[in-house]
Amino acid sequence: MPGLALLRGTMSALATVFGGCGVFFLYYSFVRPELAAYALVFLGSAWAIAWSTSK
């Protein structure tokens, strides 16, 4: 099961990166509204990864 723990850690790190990008794009969507779509995609991806890997 060490491979599963490694996969879980990798997915958690990926979700963190996606969440950070989502917050970044959300912040800049107030300056350029077309970036809001990227924010939704990144935040949605981060949420889906976190939800699917939760215990």
Protein backbone atom coordinates (compact mmCIF):
# COMPACT_ATOMS: atom_id res chain seq x y z
CA MET A 1 0.00 0.00 0.00
CA PRO A 2 2.91 2.49 -0.08
CA GLY A 3 2.09 3.20 -3.71
CA LEU A 4 -1.42 4.23 -2.74
CA ALA A 5 -0.10 6.62 -0.11
CA LEU A 6 2.27 8.11 -2.69
CA LEU A 7 -0.56 8.54 -5.17
CA ARG A 8 -2.75 10.16 -2.51
CA GLY A 9 0.05 12.60 -1.61
CA THR A 10 0.66 13.44 -5.26
CA MET A 11 -3.03 14.08 -5.88
CA SER A 12 -3.20 16.27 -2.79
CA ALA A 13 -0.24 18.32 -4.02
CA LEU A 14 -1.84 18.64 -7.45
CA ALA A 15 -5.09 19.82 -5.86
CA THR A 16 -3.14 22.41 -3.88
CA VAL A 17 -1.48 23.73 -7.04
CA PHE A 18 -4.82 23.87 -8.87
CA GLY A 19 -6.41 25.64 -5.91
CA GLY A 20 -3.62 28.20 -5.82
CA CYS A 21 -3.98 28.87 -9.54
CA GLY A 22 -7.73 29.16 -9.09
CA VAL A 23 -7.37 31.76 -6.36
CA PHE A 24 -4.83 33.65 -8.49
CA PHE A 25 -7.19 33.74 -11.47
CA LEU A 26 -10.13 34.61 -9.23
CA TYR A 27 -8.22 37.61 -7.89
CA TYR A 28 -7.27 38.82 -11.38
CA SER A 29 -10.75 38.21 -12.76
CA PHE A 30 -11.76 41.50 -11.15
CA VAL A 31 -9.29 43.23 -13.49
CA ARG A 32 -9.96 41.06 -16.55
CA PRO A 33 -13.36 39.34 -16.33
CA GLU A 34 -12.49 36.75 -18.99
CA LEU A 35 -10.15 35.09 -16.47
CA ALA A 36 -13.13 34.04 -14.34
CA ALA A 37 -13.60 30.93 -16.47
CA TYR A 38 -10.06 29.79 -15.66
CA ALA A 39 -10.73 30.39 -11.98
CA LEU A 40 -13.81 28.19 -12.12
CA VAL A 41 -11.98 25.42 -13.95
CA PHE A 42 -9.00 25.39 -11.58
CA LEU A 43 -11.08 25.68 -8.40
CA GLY A 44 -13.49 23.03 -9.65
CA SER A 45 -10.63 20.68 -10.47
CA ALA A 46 -9.05 21.23 -7.06
CA TRP A 47 -12.37 20.59 -5.34
CA ALA A 48 -13.00 17.42 -7.35
CA ILE A 49 -9.54 16.02 -6.61
CA ALA A 50 -9.83 16.84 -2.90
CA TRP A 51 -13.31 15.34 -2.73
CA SER A 52 -12.33 12.15 -4.54
CA THR A 53 -9.24 11.53 -2.39
CA SER A 54 -10.84 12.28 0.98
CA LYS A 55 -11.31 9.39 3.37
